[in-house]
Amino acid sequence: MKKNQIKEKIQELENWLIENPNSSERSLIESDIKKLKNQLEKNHE
């Protein structure tokens, strides 16, 4: 994925968390966000 695609995906997931604060999938989504942010940092190095 390209940098912009990763940023868009992070934004989508963060919006999902806002819209679904009590979802049982919350920890999974948070984990995905963390992975994507790490990937962004690695691509930036």
PDB file of N, CA and C in Angstrom:
ATOM      1  N   MET A   1       0.837  -1.187   0.000  1.00  0.00           N
ATOM      2  CA  MET A   1       0.000   0.000   0.000  1.00  0.00           C
ATOM      3  C   MET A   1       0.874   1.240   0.000  1.00  0.00           C
ATOM      4  N   LYS A   2       0.401   2.251  -0.672  1.00  0.00           N
ATOM      5  CA  LYS A   2       1.118   3.518  -0.688  1.00  0.00           C
ATOM      6  C   LYS A   2       0.776   4.333   0.557  1.00  0.00           C
ATOM      7  N   LYS A   3       1.615   5.311   0.821  1.00  0.00           N
ATOM      8  CA  LYS A   3       1.465   6.135   2.019  1.00  0.00           C
ATOM      9  C   LYS A   3       0.062   6.740   2.125  1.00  0.00           C
ATOM     10  N   ASN A   4      -0.446   7.305   1.039  1.00  0.00           N
ATOM     11  CA  ASN A   4      -1.782   7.918   1.073  1.00  0.00           C
ATOM     12  C   ASN A   4      -2.866   6.885   1.328  1.00  0.00           C
ATOM     13  N   GLN A   5      -2.715   5.700   0.764  1.00  0.00           N
ATOM     14  CA  GLN A   5      -3.692   4.634   0.974  1.00  0.00           C
ATOM     15  C   GLN A   5      -3.716   4.221   2.446  1.00  0.00           C
ATOM     16  N   ILE A   6      -2.539   4.128   3.046  1.00  0.00           N
ATOM     17  CA  ILE A   6      -2.450   3.756   4.461  1.00  0.00           C
ATOM     18  C   ILE A   6      -3.132   4.819   5.311  1.00  0.00           C
ATOM     19  N   LYS A   7      -2.855   6.093   5.027  1.00  0.00           N
ATOM     20  CA  LYS A   7      -3.469   7.182   5.790  1.00  0.00           C
ATOM     21  C   LYS A   7      -4.983   7.163   5.651  1.00  0.00           C
ATOM     22  N   GLU A   8      -5.470   6.910   4.441  1.00  0.00           N
ATOM     23  CA  GLU A   8      -6.914   6.833   4.218  1.00  0.00           C
ATOM     24  C   GLU A   8      -7.525   5.686   5.018  1.00  0.00           C
ATOM     25  N   LYS A   9      -6.854   4.552   5.019  1.00  0.00           N
ATOM     26  CA  LYS A   9      -7.358   3.385   5.736  1.00  0.00           C
ATOM     27  C   LYS A   9      -7.400   3.654   7.242  1.00  0.00           C
ATOM     28  N   ILE A  10      -6.348   4.289   7.760  1.00  0.00           N
ATOM     29  CA  ILE A  10      -6.321   4.655   9.177  1.00  0.00           C
ATOM     30  C   ILE A  10      -7.509   5.557   9.499  1.00  0.00           C
ATOM     31  N   GLN A  11      -7.763   6.535   8.634  1.00  0.00           N
ATOM     32  CA  GLN A  11      -8.874   7.462   8.855  1.00  0.00           C
ATOM     33  C   GLN A  11     -10.212   6.726   8.837  1.00  0.00           C
ATOM     34  N   GLU A  12     -10.366   5.805   7.899  1.00  0.00           N
ATOM     35  CA  GLU A  12     -11.599   5.015   7.829  1.00  0.00           C
ATOM     36  C   GLU A  12     -11.817   4.216   9.110  1.00  0.00           C
ATOM     37  N   LEU A  13     -10.744   3.590   9.582  1.00  0.00           N
ATOM     38  CA  LEU A  13     -10.859   2.768  10.789  1.00  0.00           C
ATOM     39  C   LEU A  13     -11.151   3.624  12.021  1.00  0.00           C
ATOM     40  N   GLU A  14     -10.498   4.791  12.098  1.00  0.00           N
ATOM     41  CA  GLU A  14     -10.752   5.683  13.228  1.00  0.00           C
ATOM     42  C   GLU A  14     -12.198   6.185  13.203  1.00  0.00           C
ATOM     43  N   ASN A  15     -12.699   6.479  12.019  1.00  0.00           N
ATOM     44  CA  ASN A  15     -14.102   6.896  11.899  1.00  0.00           C
ATOM     45  C   ASN A  15     -15.034   5.769  12.310  1.00  0.00           C
ATOM     46  N   TRP A  16     -14.682   4.561  11.937  1.00  0.00           N
ATOM     47  CA  TRP A  16     -15.495   3.404  12.309  1.00  0.00           C
ATOM     48  C   TRP A  16     -15.569   3.286  13.831  1.00  0.00           C
ATOM     49  N   LEU A  17     -14.435   3.492  14.493  1.00  0.00           N
ATOM     50  CA  LEU A  17     -14.411   3.422  15.959  1.00  0.00           C
ATOM     51  C   LEU A  17     -15.330   4.471  16.584  1.00  0.00           C
ATOM     52  N   ILE A  18     -15.334   5.658  16.007  1.00  0.00           N
ATOM     53  CA  ILE A  18     -16.182   6.733  16.511  1.00  0.00           C
ATOM     54  C   ILE A  18     -17.655   6.363  16.338  1.00  0.00           C
ATOM     55  N   GLU A  19     -17.970   5.764  15.196  1.00  0.00           N
ATOM     56  CA  GLU A  19     -19.363   5.415  14.901  1.00  0.00           C
ATOM     57  C   GLU A  19     -19.822   4.162  15.643  1.00  0.00           C
ATOM     58  N   ASN A  20     -18.885   3.316  16.053  1.00  0.00           N
ATOM     59  CA  ASN A  20     -19.221   2.047  16.704  1.00  0.00           C
ATOM     60  C   ASN A  20     -18.453   1.882  18.017  1.00  0.00           C
ATOM     61  N   PRO A  21     -18.666   2.772  18.960  1.00  0.00           N
ATOM     62  CA  PRO A  21     -17.846   2.774  20.179  1.00  0.00           C
ATOM     63  C   PRO A  21     -17.983   1.526  21.047  1.00  0.00           C
ATOM     64  N   ASN A  22     -19.084   0.814  20.929  1.00  0.00           N
ATOM     65  CA  ASN A  22     -19.301  -0.339  21.803  1.00  0.00           C
ATOM     66  C   ASN A  22     -19.213  -1.669  21.078  1.00  0.00           C
ATOM     67  N   SER A  23     -18.595  -1.656  19.920  1.00  0.00           N
ATOM     68  CA  SER A  23     -18.512  -2.880  19.129  1.00  0.00           C
ATOM     69  C   SER A  23     -17.560  -3.895  19.758  1.00  0.00           C
ATOM     70  N   SER A  24     -17.894  -5.159  19.586  1.00  0.00           N
ATOM     71  CA  SER A  24     -17.021  -6.227  20.077  1.00  0.00           C
ATOM     72  C   SER A  24     -15.738  -6.323  19.257  1.00  0.00           C
ATOM     73  N   GLU A  25     -15.715  -5.699  18.103  1.00  0.00           N
ATOM     74  CA  GLU A  25     -14.530  -5.742  17.226  1.00  0.00           C
ATOM     75  C   GLU A  25     -13.575  -4.577  17.485  1.00  0.00           C
ATOM     76  N   ARG A  26     -13.876  -3.783  18.475  1.00  0.00           N
ATOM     77  CA  ARG A  26     -13.092  -2.571  18.740  1.00  0.00           C
ATOM     78  C   ARG A  26     -11.591  -2.855  18.913  1.00  0.00           C
ATOM     79  N   SER A  27     -11.241  -3.843  19.699  1.00  0.00           N
ATOM     80  CA  SER A  27      -9.813  -4.115  19.936  1.00  0.00           C
ATOM     81  C   SER A  27      -9.121  -4.582  18.661  1.00  0.00           C
ATOM     82  N   LEU A  28      -9.848  -5.305  17.825  1.00  0.00           N
ATOM     83  CA  LEU A  28      -9.282  -5.736  16.547  1.00  0.00           C
ATOM     84  C   LEU A  28      -9.004  -4.528  15.650  1.00  0.00           C
ATOM     85  N   ILE A  29      -9.942  -3.606  15.583  1.00  0.00           N
ATOM     86  CA  ILE A  29      -9.776  -2.404  14.764  1.00  0.00           C
ATOM     87  C   ILE A  29      -8.623  -1.556  15.303  1.00  0.00           C
ATOM     88  N   GLU A  30      -8.552  -1.416  16.611  1.00  0.00           N
ATOM     89  CA  GLU A  30      -7.450  -0.650  17.215  1.00  0.00           C
ATOM     90  C   GLU A  30      -6.106  -1.288  16.886  1.00  0.00           C
ATOM     91  N   SER A  31      -6.063  -2.589  16.891  1.00  0.00           N
ATOM     92  CA  SER A  31      -4.843  -3.314  16.544  1.00  0.00           C
ATOM     93  C   SER A  31      -4.461  -3.050  15.086  1.00  0.00           C
ATOM     94  N   ASP A  32      -5.446  -3.070  14.206  1.00  0.00           N
ATOM     95  CA  ASP A  32      -5.194  -2.795  12.786  1.00  0.00           C
ATOM     96  C   ASP A  32      -4.663  -1.379  12.589  1.00  0.00           C
ATOM     97  N   ILE A  33      -5.234  -0.427  13.320  1.00  0.00           N
ATOM     98  CA  ILE A  33      -4.767   0.959  13.226  1.00  0.00           C
ATOM     99  C   ILE A  33      -3.306   1.045  13.649  1.00  0.00           C
ATOM    100  N   LYS A  34      -2.980   0.372  14.732  1.00  0.00           N
ATOM    101  CA  LYS A  34      -1.606   0.387  15.232  1.00  0.00           C
ATOM    102  C   LYS A  34      -0.638  -0.199  14.200  1.00  0.00           C
ATOM    103  N   LYS A  35      -1.044  -1.309  13.582  1.00  0.00           N
ATOM    104  CA  LYS A  35      -0.206  -1.938  12.552  1.00  0.00           C
ATOM    105  C   LYS A  35       0.005  -1.003  11.367  1.00  0.00           C
ATOM    106  N   LEU A  36      -1.056  -0.347  10.951  1.00  0.00           N
ATOM    107  CA  LEU A  36      -0.948   0.575   9.819  1.00  0.00           C
ATOM    108  C   LEU A  36      -0.044   1.766  10.149  1.00  0.00           C
ATOM    109  N   LYS A  37      -0.159   2.280  11.364  1.00  0.00           N
ATOM    110  CA  LYS A  37       0.696   3.402  11.767  1.00  0.00           C
ATOM    111  C   LYS A  37       2.156   2.972  11.815  1.00  0.00           C
ATOM    112  N   ASN A  38       2.402   1.753  12.286  1.00  0.00           N
ATOM    113  CA  ASN A  38       3.767   1.232  12.293  1.00  0.00           C
ATOM    114  C   ASN A  38       4.294   1.080  10.875  1.00  0.00           C
ATOM    115  N   GLN A  39       3.430   0.624   9.988  1.00  0.00           N
ATOM    116  CA  GLN A  39       3.820   0.462   8.591  1.00  0.00           C
ATOM    117  C   GLN A  39       4.167   1.809   7.979  1.00  0.00           C
ATOM    118  N   LEU A  40       3.396   2.835   8.314  1.00  0.00           N
ATOM    119  CA  LEU A  40       3.680   4.192   7.833  1.00  0.00           C
ATOM    120  C   LEU A  40       5.058   4.642   8.297  1.00  0.00           C
ATOM    121  N   GLU A  41       5.355   4.410   9.560  1.00  0.00           N
ATOM    122  CA  GLU A  41       6.645   4.816  10.106  1.00  0.00           C
ATOM    123  C   GLU A  41       7.796   4.077   9.419  1.00  0.00           C
ATOM    124  N   LYS A  42       7.613   2.790   9.175  1.00  0.00           N
ATOM    125  CA  LYS A  42       8.659   2.017   8.520  1.00  0.00           C
ATOM    126  C   LYS A  42       8.884   2.484   7.094  1.00  0.00           C
ATOM    127  N   ASN A  43       7.800   2.810   6.402  1.00  0.00           N
ATOM    128  CA  ASN A  43       7.917   3.303   5.027  1.00  0.00           C
ATOM    129  C   ASN A  43       8.597   4.662   4.996  1.00  0.00           C
ATOM    130  N   HIS A  44       8.461   5.398   6.071  1.00  0.00           N
ATOM    131  CA  HIS A  44       9.020   6.742   6.129  1.00  0.00           C
ATOM    132  C   HIS A  44      10.532   6.718   6.363  1.00  0.00           C
ATOM    133  N   GLU A  45      11.030   5.663   6.960  1.00  0.00           N
ATOM    134  CA  GLU A  45      12.465   5.568   7.295  1.00  0.00           C
ATOM    135  C   GLU A  45      13.315   5.418   6.059  1.00  0.00           C
TER     136      GLU A  45
END
